[in-house]
Amino acid sequence: MGDFDLDLQTAEGELDEPDAGGRVVLGVLDGSTDPDEWVEHVKRDDVVVLNVEGDLNDLAGGFAREVRDYGGELMHFRGFLVLSPPGREIDTDRL
């Protein structure tokens, strides 16, 4: 087998760092938090999981349309509302 020159340190330096992709934020949707705060989390590429305490339509009315218009997704599942940023699909195949 012939010799070849492989500089692993240089190669490692050329690799792209993986995108952190935001955080997962847990909270309670009970009307006590400003709706703009949930929108800002989605805009910062966070996934938001909210325990719904009350009427979902009333509680999410202040931000649901803005999240969708921004390109995010919303999914109500077993008492929780999940918000995801654009490009982060909520996979429901196993439901």
PDB file of N, CA and C in Angstrom:
ATOM      1  N   MET A   1       0.845  -1.164   0.000  1.00  0.00           N
ATOM      2  CA  MET A   1       0.000   0.000   0.000  1.00  0.00           C
ATOM      3  C   MET A   1       0.894   1.232   0.000  1.00  0.00           C
ATOM      4  N   GLY A   2       0.571   2.195  -0.828  1.00  0.00           N
ATOM      5  CA  GLY A   2       1.402   3.387  -0.937  1.00  0.00           C
ATOM      6  C   GLY A   2       1.162   4.374   0.184  1.00  0.00           C
ATOM      7  N   ASP A   3       2.122   5.240   0.387  1.00  0.00           N
ATOM      8  CA  ASP A   3       1.984   6.290   1.392  1.00  0.00           C
ATOM      9  C   ASP A   3       1.110   7.410   0.838  1.00  0.00           C
ATOM     10  N   PHE A   4       0.316   7.976   1.703  1.00  0.00           N
ATOM     11  CA  PHE A   4      -0.443   9.163   1.315  1.00  0.00           C
ATOM     12  C   PHE A   4      -0.435  10.124   2.504  1.00  0.00           C
ATOM     13  N   ASP A   5      -0.554  11.394   2.203  1.00  0.00           N
ATOM     14  CA  ASP A   5      -0.466  12.432   3.217  1.00  0.00           C
ATOM     15  C   ASP A   5      -1.876  12.848   3.625  1.00  0.00           C
ATOM     16  N   LEU A   6      -2.242  12.536   4.871  1.00  0.00           N
ATOM     17  CA  LEU A   6      -3.552  12.886   5.384  1.00  0.00           C
ATOM     18  C   LEU A   6      -3.371  13.702   6.654  1.00  0.00           C
ATOM     19  N   ASP A   7      -3.763  14.964   6.592  1.00  0.00           N
ATOM     20  CA  ASP A   7      -3.638  15.856   7.738  1.00  0.00           C
ATOM     21  C   ASP A   7      -5.010  15.960   8.408  1.00  0.00           C
ATOM     22  N   LEU A   8      -5.238  15.134   9.435  1.00  0.00           N
ATOM     23  CA  LEU A   8      -6.536  15.092  10.092  1.00  0.00           C
ATOM     24  C   LEU A   8      -6.867  16.388  10.826  1.00  0.00           C
ATOM     25  N   GLN A   9      -5.884  17.058  11.377  1.00  0.00           N
ATOM     26  CA  GLN A   9      -6.164  18.307  12.075  1.00  0.00           C
ATOM     27  C   GLN A   9      -6.693  19.372  11.123  1.00  0.00           C
ATOM     28  N   THR A  10      -6.104  19.463   9.944  1.00  0.00           N
ATOM     29  CA  THR A  10      -6.586  20.426   8.958  1.00  0.00           C
ATOM     30  C   THR A  10      -7.971  20.033   8.475  1.00  0.00           C
ATOM     31  N   ALA A  11      -8.192  18.756   8.225  1.00  0.00           N
ATOM     32  CA  ALA A  11      -9.498  18.282   7.757  1.00  0.00           C
ATOM     33  C   ALA A  11     -10.575  18.567   8.791  1.00  0.00           C
ATOM     34  N   GLU A  12     -10.276  18.343  10.072  1.00  0.00           N
ATOM     35  CA  GLU A  12     -11.244  18.598  11.133  1.00  0.00           C
ATOM     36  C   GLU A  12     -11.607  20.074  11.200  1.00  0.00           C
ATOM     37  N   GLY A  13     -10.636  20.934  10.980  1.00  0.00           N
ATOM     38  CA  GLY A  13     -10.879  22.374  10.998  1.00  0.00           C
ATOM     39  C   GLY A  13     -11.757  22.843   9.857  1.00  0.00           C
ATOM     40  N   GLU A  14     -11.824  22.080   8.782  1.00  0.00           N
ATOM     41  CA  GLU A  14     -12.620  22.440   7.614  1.00  0.00           C
ATOM     42  C   GLU A  14     -14.071  21.976   7.726  1.00  0.00           C
ATOM     43  N   LEU A  15     -14.364  21.102   8.675  1.00  0.00           N
ATOM     44  CA  LEU A  15     -15.728  20.605   8.829  1.00  0.00           C
ATOM     45  C   LEU A  15     -16.629  21.699   9.363  1.00  0.00           C
ATOM     46  N   ASP A  16     -17.855  21.740   8.857  1.00  0.00           N
ATOM     47  CA  ASP A  16     -18.839  22.693   9.357  1.00  0.00           C
ATOM     48  C   ASP A  16     -19.328  22.233  10.723  1.00  0.00           C
ATOM     49  N   GLU A  17     -19.492  23.186  11.609  1.00  0.00           N
ATOM     50  CA  GLU A  17     -20.059  22.877  12.920  1.00  0.00           C
ATOM     51  C   GLU A  17     -21.554  22.629  12.737  1.00  0.00           C
ATOM     52  N   PRO A  18     -22.107  21.630  13.416  1.00  0.00           N
ATOM     53  CA  PRO A  18     -23.550  21.400  13.288  1.00  0.00           C
ATOM     54  C   PRO A  18     -24.336  22.560  13.884  1.00  0.00           C
ATOM     55  N   ASP A  19     -25.461  22.855  13.250  1.00  0.00           N
ATOM     56  CA  ASP A  19     -26.332  23.923  13.727  1.00  0.00           C
ATOM     57  C   ASP A  19     -27.010  23.469  15.016  1.00  0.00           C
ATOM     58  N   ALA A  20     -26.926  24.294  16.042  1.00  0.00           N
ATOM     59  CA  ALA A  20     -27.511  23.940  17.334  1.00  0.00           C
ATOM     60  C   ALA A  20     -29.028  23.794  17.232  1.00  0.00           C
ATOM     61  N   GLY A  21     -29.667  24.582  16.388  1.00  0.00           N
ATOM     62  CA  GLY A  21     -31.079  24.417  16.119  1.00  0.00           C
ATOM     63  C   GLY A  21     -32.018  24.822  17.244  1.00  0.00           C
ATOM     64  N   GLY A  22     -31.614  25.695  18.110  1.00  0.00           N
ATOM     65  CA  GLY A  22     -32.509  26.167  19.148  1.00  0.00           C
ATOM     66  C   GLY A  22     -32.638  25.213  20.314  1.00  0.00           C
ATOM     67  N   ARG A  23     -33.577  25.546  21.183  1.00  0.00           N
ATOM     68  CA  ARG A  23     -33.807  24.770  22.402  1.00  0.00           C
ATOM     69  C   ARG A  23     -35.197  24.167  22.371  1.00  0.00           C
ATOM     70  N   VAL A  24     -35.475  23.322  23.344  1.00  0.00           N
ATOM     71  CA  VAL A  24     -36.830  22.858  23.598  1.00  0.00           C
ATOM     72  C   VAL A  24     -37.281  23.593  24.855  1.00  0.00           C
ATOM     73  N   VAL A  25     -38.357  24.353  24.727  1.00  0.00           N
ATOM     74  CA  VAL A  25     -38.857  25.182  25.818  1.00  0.00           C
ATOM     75  C   VAL A  25     -40.168  24.591  26.318  1.00  0.00           C
ATOM     76  N   LEU A  26     -40.239  24.304  27.611  1.00  0.00           N
ATOM     77  CA  LEU A  26     -41.457  23.798  28.226  1.00  0.00           C
ATOM     78  C   LEU A  26     -42.149  24.922  28.980  1.00  0.00           C
ATOM     79  N   GLY A  27     -43.472  24.968  28.898  1.00  0.00           N
ATOM     80  CA  GLY A  27     -44.202  26.010  29.597  1.00  0.00           C
ATOM     81  C   GLY A  27     -45.655  25.633  29.790  1.00  0.00           C
ATOM     82  N   VAL A  28     -46.380  26.557  30.380  1.00  0.00           N
ATOM     83  CA  VAL A  28     -47.806  26.380  30.634  1.00  0.00           C
ATOM     84  C   VAL A  28     -48.552  27.458  29.861  1.00  0.00           C
ATOM     85  N   LEU A  29     -49.552  27.040  29.114  1.00  0.00           N
ATOM     86  CA  LEU A  29     -50.394  27.980  28.376  1.00  0.00           C
ATOM     87  C   LEU A  29     -51.666  28.188  29.190  1.00  0.00           C
ATOM     88  N   ASP A  30     -51.653  29.275  29.972  1.00  0.00           N
ATOM     89  CA  ASP A  30     -52.799  29.568  30.829  1.00  0.00           C
ATOM     90  C   ASP A  30     -53.217  31.040  30.735  1.00  0.00           C
ATOM     91  N   GLY A  31     -52.630  31.755  29.804  1.00  0.00           N
ATOM     92  CA  GLY A  31     -52.965  33.161  29.614  1.00  0.00           C
ATOM     93  C   GLY A  31     -52.098  34.120  30.409  1.00  0.00           C
ATOM     94  N   SER A  32     -51.208  33.599  31.242  1.00  0.00           N
ATOM     95  CA  SER A  32     -50.388  34.486  32.071  1.00  0.00           C
ATOM     96  C   SER A  32     -49.122  34.977  31.355  1.00  0.00           C
ATOM     97  N   THR A  33     -48.778  34.381  30.221  1.00  0.00           N
ATOM     98  CA  THR A  33     -47.580  34.770  29.469  1.00  0.00           C
ATOM     99  C   THR A  33     -47.994  35.564  28.236  1.00  0.00           C
ATOM    100  N   ASP A  34     -47.290  36.629  27.960  1.00  0.00           N
ATOM    101  CA  ASP A  34     -47.547  37.436  26.771  1.00  0.00           C
ATOM    102  C   ASP A  34     -47.428  36.550  25.532  1.00  0.00           C
ATOM    103  N   PRO A  35     -48.447  36.519  24.664  1.00  0.00           N
ATOM    104  CA  PRO A  35     -48.394  35.678  23.465  1.00  0.00           C
ATOM    105  C   PRO A  35     -47.175  35.939  22.583  1.00  0.00           C
ATOM    106  N   ASP A  36     -46.675  37.175  22.579  1.00  0.00           N
ATOM    107  CA  ASP A  36     -45.499  37.496  21.763  1.00  0.00           C
ATOM    108  C   ASP A  36     -44.272  36.710  22.209  1.00  0.00           C
ATOM    109  N   GLU A  37     -44.238  36.317  23.478  1.00  0.00           N
ATOM    110  CA  GLU A  37     -43.096  35.548  23.976  1.00  0.00           C
ATOM    111  C   GLU A  37     -43.014  34.185  23.279  1.00  0.00           C
ATOM    112  N   TRP A  38     -44.165  33.549  23.057  1.00  0.00           N
ATOM    113  CA  TRP A  38     -44.153  32.249  22.369  1.00  0.00           C
ATOM    114  C   TRP A  38     -43.723  32.415  20.916  1.00  0.00           C
ATOM    115  N   VAL A  39     -44.160  33.485  20.280  1.00  0.00           N
ATOM    116  CA  VAL A  39     -43.758  33.758  18.894  1.00  0.00           C
ATOM    117  C   VAL A  39     -42.255  33.988  18.824  1.00  0.00           C
ATOM    118  N   GLU A  40     -41.710  34.731  19.754  1.00  0.00           N
ATOM    119  CA  GLU A  40     -40.269  35.002  19.767  1.00  0.00           C
ATOM    120  C   GLU A  40     -39.458  33.711  19.933  1.00  0.00           C
ATOM    121  N   HIS A  41     -39.945  32.795  20.743  1.00  0.00           N
ATOM    122  CA  HIS A  41     -39.244  31.516  20.870  1.00  0.00           C
ATOM    123  C   HIS A  41     -39.182  30.797  19.529  1.00  0.00           C
ATOM    124  N   VAL A  42     -40.291  30.762  18.823  1.00  0.00           N
ATOM    125  CA  VAL A  42     -40.322  30.098  17.510  1.00  0.00           C
ATOM    126  C   VAL A  42     -39.375  30.809  16.544  1.00  0.00           C
ATOM    127  N   LYS A  43     -39.341  32.124  16.590  1.00  0.00           N
ATOM    128  CA  LYS A  43     -38.447  32.881  15.709  1.00  0.00           C
ATOM    129  C   LYS A  43     -36.975  32.658  16.055  1.00  0.00           C
ATOM    130  N   ARG A  44     -36.693  32.270  17.296  1.00  0.00           N
ATOM    131  CA  ARG A  44     -35.317  31.953  17.703  1.00  0.00           C
ATOM    132  C   ARG A  44     -34.990  30.482  17.448  1.00  0.00           C
ATOM    133  N   ASP A  45     -35.852  29.794  16.708  1.00  0.00           N
ATOM    134  CA  ASP A  45     -35.654  28.403  16.312  1.00  0.00           C
ATOM    135  C   ASP A  45     -35.848  27.421  17.473  1.00  0.00           C
ATOM    136  N   ASP A  46     -36.634  27.822  18.469  1.00  0.00           N
ATOM    137  CA  ASP A  46     -36.942  26.937  19.588  1.00  0.00           C
ATOM    138  C   ASP A  46     -38.200  26.117  19.279  1.00  0.00           C
ATOM    139  N   VAL A  47     -38.255  24.915  19.813  1.00  0.00           N
ATOM    140  CA  VAL A  47     -39.482  24.125  19.834  1.00  0.00           C
ATOM    141  C   VAL A  47     -40.115  24.392  21.195  1.00  0.00           C
ATOM    142  N   VAL A  48     -41.400  24.692  21.203  1.00  0.00           N
ATOM    143  CA  VAL A  48     -42.108  25.033  22.437  1.00  0.00           C
ATOM    144  C   VAL A  48     -43.173  23.980  22.702  1.00  0.00           C
ATOM    145  N   VAL A  49     -43.196  23.451  23.930  1.00  0.00           N
ATOM    146  CA  VAL A  49     -44.204  22.484  24.351  1.00  0.00           C
ATOM    147  C   VAL A  49     -44.940  23.098  25.535  1.00  0.00           C
ATOM    148  N   LEU A  50     -46.240  23.355  25.342  1.00  0.00           N
ATOM    149  CA  LEU A  50     -47.039  24.049  26.350  1.00  0.00           C
ATOM    150  C   LEU A  50     -48.141  23.147  26.885  1.00  0.00           C
ATOM    151  N   ASN A  51     -48.235  23.042  28.188  1.00  0.00           N
ATOM    152  CA  ASN A  51     -49.342  22.356  28.835  1.00  0.00           C
ATOM    153  C   ASN A  51     -50.536  23.311  28.806  1.00  0.00           C
ATOM    154  N   VAL A  52     -51.624  22.898  28.163  1.00  0.00           N
ATOM    155  CA  VAL A  52     -52.779  23.773  27.979  1.00  0.00           C
ATOM    156  C   VAL A  52     -53.684  23.681  29.207  1.00  0.00           C
ATOM    157  N   GLU A  53     -53.880  24.816  29.850  1.00  0.00           N
ATOM    158  CA  GLU A  53     -54.758  24.898  31.019  1.00  0.00           C
ATOM    159  C   GLU A  53     -55.863  25.897  30.730  1.00  0.00           C
ATOM    160  N   GLY A  54     -56.902  25.427  30.071  1.00  0.00           N
ATOM    161  CA  GLY A  54     -58.021  26.283  29.698  1.00  0.00           C
ATOM    162  C   GLY A  54     -58.433  25.986  28.270  1.00  0.00           C
ATOM    163  N   ASP A  55     -59.178  26.906  27.682  1.00  0.00           N
ATOM    164  CA  ASP A  55     -59.665  26.744  26.318  1.00  0.00           C
ATOM    165  C   ASP A  55     -58.550  27.056  25.320  1.00  0.00           C
ATOM    166  N   LEU A  56     -58.163  26.054  24.562  1.00  0.00           N
ATOM    167  CA  LEU A  56     -57.042  26.201  23.625  1.00  0.00           C
ATOM    168  C   LEU A  56     -57.270  27.332  22.634  1.00  0.00           C
ATOM    169  N   ASN A  57     -58.470  27.422  22.071  1.00  0.00           N
ATOM    170  CA  ASN A  57     -58.736  28.460  21.064  1.00  0.00           C
ATOM    171  C   ASN A  57     -58.561  29.858  21.643  1.00  0.00           C
ATOM    172  N   ASP A  58     -59.047  30.070  22.845  1.00  0.00           N
ATOM    173  CA  ASP A  58     -58.890  31.392  23.474  1.00  0.00           C
ATOM    174  C   ASP A  58     -57.425  31.671  23.806  1.00  0.00           C
ATOM    175  N   LEU A  59     -56.747  30.669  24.369  1.00  0.00           N
ATOM    176  CA  LEU A  59     -55.378  30.868  24.836  1.00  0.00           C
ATOM    177  C   LEU A  59     -54.367  31.019  23.698  1.00  0.00           C
ATOM    178  N   ALA A  60     -54.568  30.301  22.602  1.00  0.00           N
ATOM    179  CA  ALA A  60     -53.618  30.348  21.481  1.00  0.00           C
ATOM    180  C   ALA A  60     -53.996  31.396  20.437  1.00  0.00           C
ATOM    181  N   GLY A  61     -55.155  31.993  20.595  1.00  0.00           N
ATOM    182  CA  GLY A  61     -55.616  32.977  19.614  1.00  0.00           C
ATOM    183  C   GLY A  61     -54.684  34.157  19.432  1.00  0.00           C
ATOM    184  N   GLY A  62     -53.914  34.488  20.448  1.00  0.00           N
ATOM    185  CA  GLY A  62     -53.032  35.645  20.370  1.00  0.00           C
ATOM    186  C   GLY A  62     -51.727  35.410  19.638  1.00  0.00           C
ATOM    187  N   PHE A  63     -51.432  34.139  19.273  1.00  0.00           N
ATOM    188  CA  PHE A  63     -50.145  33.886  18.619  1.00  0.00           C
ATOM    189  C   PHE A  63     -50.182  32.822  17.529  1.00  0.00           C
ATOM    190  N   ALA A  64     -51.212  32.013  17.450  1.00  0.00           N
ATOM    191  CA  ALA A  64     -51.235  30.890  16.505  1.00  0.00           C
ATOM    192  C   ALA A  64     -51.094  31.344  15.049  1.00  0.00           C
ATOM    193  N   ARG A  65     -51.843  32.346  14.675  1.00  0.00           N
ATOM    194  CA  ARG A  65     -51.785  32.822  13.286  1.00  0.00           C
ATOM    195  C   ARG A  65     -50.402  33.370  12.948  1.00  0.00           C
ATOM    196  N   GLU A  66     -49.807  34.092  13.889  1.00  0.00           N
ATOM    197  CA  GLU A  66     -48.472  34.666  13.643  1.00  0.00           C
ATOM    198  C   GLU A  66     -47.420  33.570  13.488  1.00  0.00           C
ATOM    199  N   VAL A  67     -47.509  32.527  14.306  1.00  0.00           N
ATOM    200  CA  VAL A  67     -46.574  31.394  14.174  1.00  0.00           C
ATOM    201  C   VAL A  67     -46.739  30.739  12.815  1.00  0.00           C
ATOM    202  N   ARG A  68     -47.970  30.514  12.387  1.00  0.00           N
ATOM    203  CA  ARG A  68     -48.214  29.899  11.063  1.00  0.00           C
ATOM    204  C   ARG A  68     -47.762  30.814   9.923  1.00  0.00           C
ATOM    205  N   ASP A  69     -48.062  32.100  10.030  1.00  0.00           N
ATOM    206  CA  ASP A  69     -47.641  33.047   8.988  1.00  0.00           C
ATOM    207  C   ASP A  69     -46.120  33.108   8.880  1.00  0.00           C
ATOM    208  N   TYR A  70     -45.435  32.908   9.986  1.00  0.00           N
ATOM    209  CA  TYR A  70     -43.970  32.894  10.008  1.00  0.00           C
ATOM    210  C   TYR A  70     -43.413  31.603   9.380  1.00  0.00           C
ATOM    211  N   GLY A  71     -44.256  30.585   9.242  1.00  0.00           N
ATOM    212  CA  GLY A  71     -43.827  29.314   8.653  1.00  0.00           C
ATOM    213  C   GLY A  71     -43.690  28.199   9.667  1.00  0.00           C
ATOM    214  N   GLY A  72     -44.046  28.477  10.916  1.00  0.00           N
ATOM    215  CA  GLY A  72     -43.967  27.458  11.962  1.00  0.00           C
ATOM    216  C   GLY A  72     -45.179  26.544  11.939  1.00  0.00           C
ATOM    217  N   GLU A  73     -45.118  25.530  12.774  1.00  0.00           N
ATOM    218  CA  GLU A  73     -46.219  24.580  12.881  1.00  0.00           C
ATOM    219  C   GLU A  73     -46.759  24.558  14.304  1.00  0.00           C
ATOM    220  N   LEU A  74     -48.038  24.229  14.429  1.00  0.00           N
ATOM    221  CA  LEU A  74     -48.679  24.040  15.725  1.00  0.00           C
ATOM    222  C   LEU A  74     -49.386  22.692  15.706  1.00  0.00           C
ATOM    223  N   MET A  75     -49.310  21.976  16.814  1.00  0.00           N
ATOM    224  CA  MET A  75     -49.984  20.687  16.918  1.00  0.00           C
ATOM    225  C   MET A  75     -50.495  20.522  18.343  1.00  0.00           C
ATOM    226  N   HIS A  76     -51.801  20.242  18.475  1.00  0.00           N
ATOM    227  CA  HIS A  76     -52.387  19.957  19.785  1.00  0.00           C
ATOM    228  C   HIS A  76     -52.361  18.448  19.972  1.00  0.00           C
ATOM    229  N   PHE A  77     -51.756  18.004  21.076  1.00  0.00           N
ATOM    230  CA  PHE A  77     -51.617  16.569  21.337  1.00  0.00           C
ATOM    231  C   PHE A  77     -51.744  16.306  22.827  1.00  0.00           C
ATOM    232  N   ARG A  78     -52.792  15.595  23.212  1.00  0.00           N
ATOM    233  CA  ARG A  78     -52.991  15.140  24.593  1.00  0.00           C
ATOM    234  C   ARG A  78     -52.812  16.227  25.649  1.00  0.00           C
ATOM    235  N   GLY A  79     -53.451  17.323  25.448  1.00  0.00           N
ATOM    236  CA  GLY A  79     -53.393  18.388  26.441  1.00  0.00           C
ATOM    237  C   GLY A  79     -52.196  19.316  26.309  1.00  0.00           C
ATOM    238  N   PHE A  80     -51.386  19.096  25.279  1.00  0.00           N
ATOM    239  CA  PHE A  80     -50.220  19.937  25.044  1.00  0.00           C
ATOM    240  C   PHE A  80     -50.339  20.599  23.684  1.00  0.00           C
ATOM    241  N   LEU A  81     -49.757  21.779  23.573  1.00  0.00           N
ATOM    242  CA  LEU A  81     -49.639  22.458  22.293  1.00  0.00           C
ATOM    243  C   LEU A  81     -48.155  22.517  21.968  1.00  0.00           C
ATOM    244  N   VAL A  82     -47.797  21.993  20.796  1.00  0.00           N
ATOM    245  CA  VAL A  82     -46.405  21.974  20.357  1.00  0.00           C
ATOM    246  C   VAL A  82     -46.252  23.002  19.244  1.00  0.00           C
ATOM    247  N   LEU A  83     -45.265  23.876  19.388  1.00  0.00           N
ATOM    248  CA  LEU A  83     -44.949  24.875  18.370  1.00  0.00           C
ATOM    249  C   LEU A  83     -43.565  24.568  17.829  1.00  0.00           C
ATOM    250  N   SER A  84     -43.427  24.571  16.524  1.00  0.00           N
ATOM    251  CA  SER A  84     -42.105  24.332  15.942  1.00  0.00           C
ATOM    252  C   SER A  84     -41.781  25.423  14.937  1.00  0.00           C
ATOM    253  N   PRO A  85     -40.507  25.748  14.808  1.00  0.00           N
ATOM    254  CA  PRO A  85     -40.093  26.799  13.867  1.00  0.00           C
ATOM    255  C   PRO A  85     -40.127  26.293  12.431  1.00  0.00           C
ATOM    256  N   PRO A  86     -40.017  27.203  11.475  1.00  0.00           N
ATOM    257  CA  PRO A  86     -39.968  26.802  10.074  1.00  0.00           C
ATOM    258  C   PRO A  86     -38.850  25.791   9.835  1.00  0.00           C
ATOM    259  N   GLY A  87     -39.142  24.795   9.029  1.00  0.00           N
ATOM    260  CA  GLY A  87     -38.141  23.790   8.692  1.00  0.00           C
ATOM    261  C   GLY A  87     -38.027  22.662   9.690  1.00  0.00           C
ATOM    262  N   ARG A  88     -38.754  22.739  10.784  1.00  0.00           N
ATOM    263  CA  ARG A  88     -38.735  21.669  11.783  1.00  0.00           C
ATOM    264  C   ARG A  88     -40.135  21.074  11.830  1.00  0.00           C
ATOM    265  N   GLU A  89     -40.328  20.002  11.086  1.00  0.00           N
ATOM    266  CA  GLU A  89     -41.634  19.361  10.944  1.00  0.00           C
ATOM    267  C   GLU A  89     -42.008  18.618  12.223  1.00  0.00           C
ATOM    268  N   ILE A  90     -43.286  18.680  12.570  1.00  0.00           N
ATOM    269  CA  ILE A  90     -43.823  17.875  13.663  1.00  0.00           C
ATOM    270  C   ILE A  90     -44.278  16.562  13.044  1.00  0.00           C
ATOM    271  N   ASP A  91     -43.594  15.483  13.369  1.00  0.00           N
ATOM    272  CA  ASP A  91     -43.867  14.172  12.774  1.00  0.00           C
ATOM    273  C   ASP A  91     -45.004  13.497  13.529  1.00  0.00           C
ATOM    274  N   THR A  92     -46.111  13.263  12.831  1.00  0.00           N
ATOM    275  CA  THR A  92     -47.277  12.626  13.442  1.00  0.00           C
ATOM    276  C   THR A  92     -47.519  11.221  12.904  1.00  0.00           C
ATOM    277  N   ASP A  93     -46.540  10.644  12.239  1.00  0.00           N
ATOM    278  CA  ASP A  93     -46.709   9.332  11.622  1.00  0.00           C
ATOM    279  C   ASP A  93     -47.062   8.236  12.611  1.00  0.00           C
ATOM    280  N   ARG A  94     -46.646   8.351  13.853  1.00  0.00           N
ATOM    281  CA  ARG A  94     -46.877   7.291  14.834  1.00  0.00           C
ATOM    282  C   ARG A  94     -48.151   7.482  15.643  1.00  0.00           C
ATOM    283  N   LEU A  95     -48.904   8.502  15.330  1.00  0.00           N
ATOM    284  CA  LEU A  95     -50.145   8.742  16.072  1.00  0.00           C
ATOM    285  C   LEU A  95     -51.284   7.922  15.494  1.00  0.00           C
TER     286      LEU A  95
END
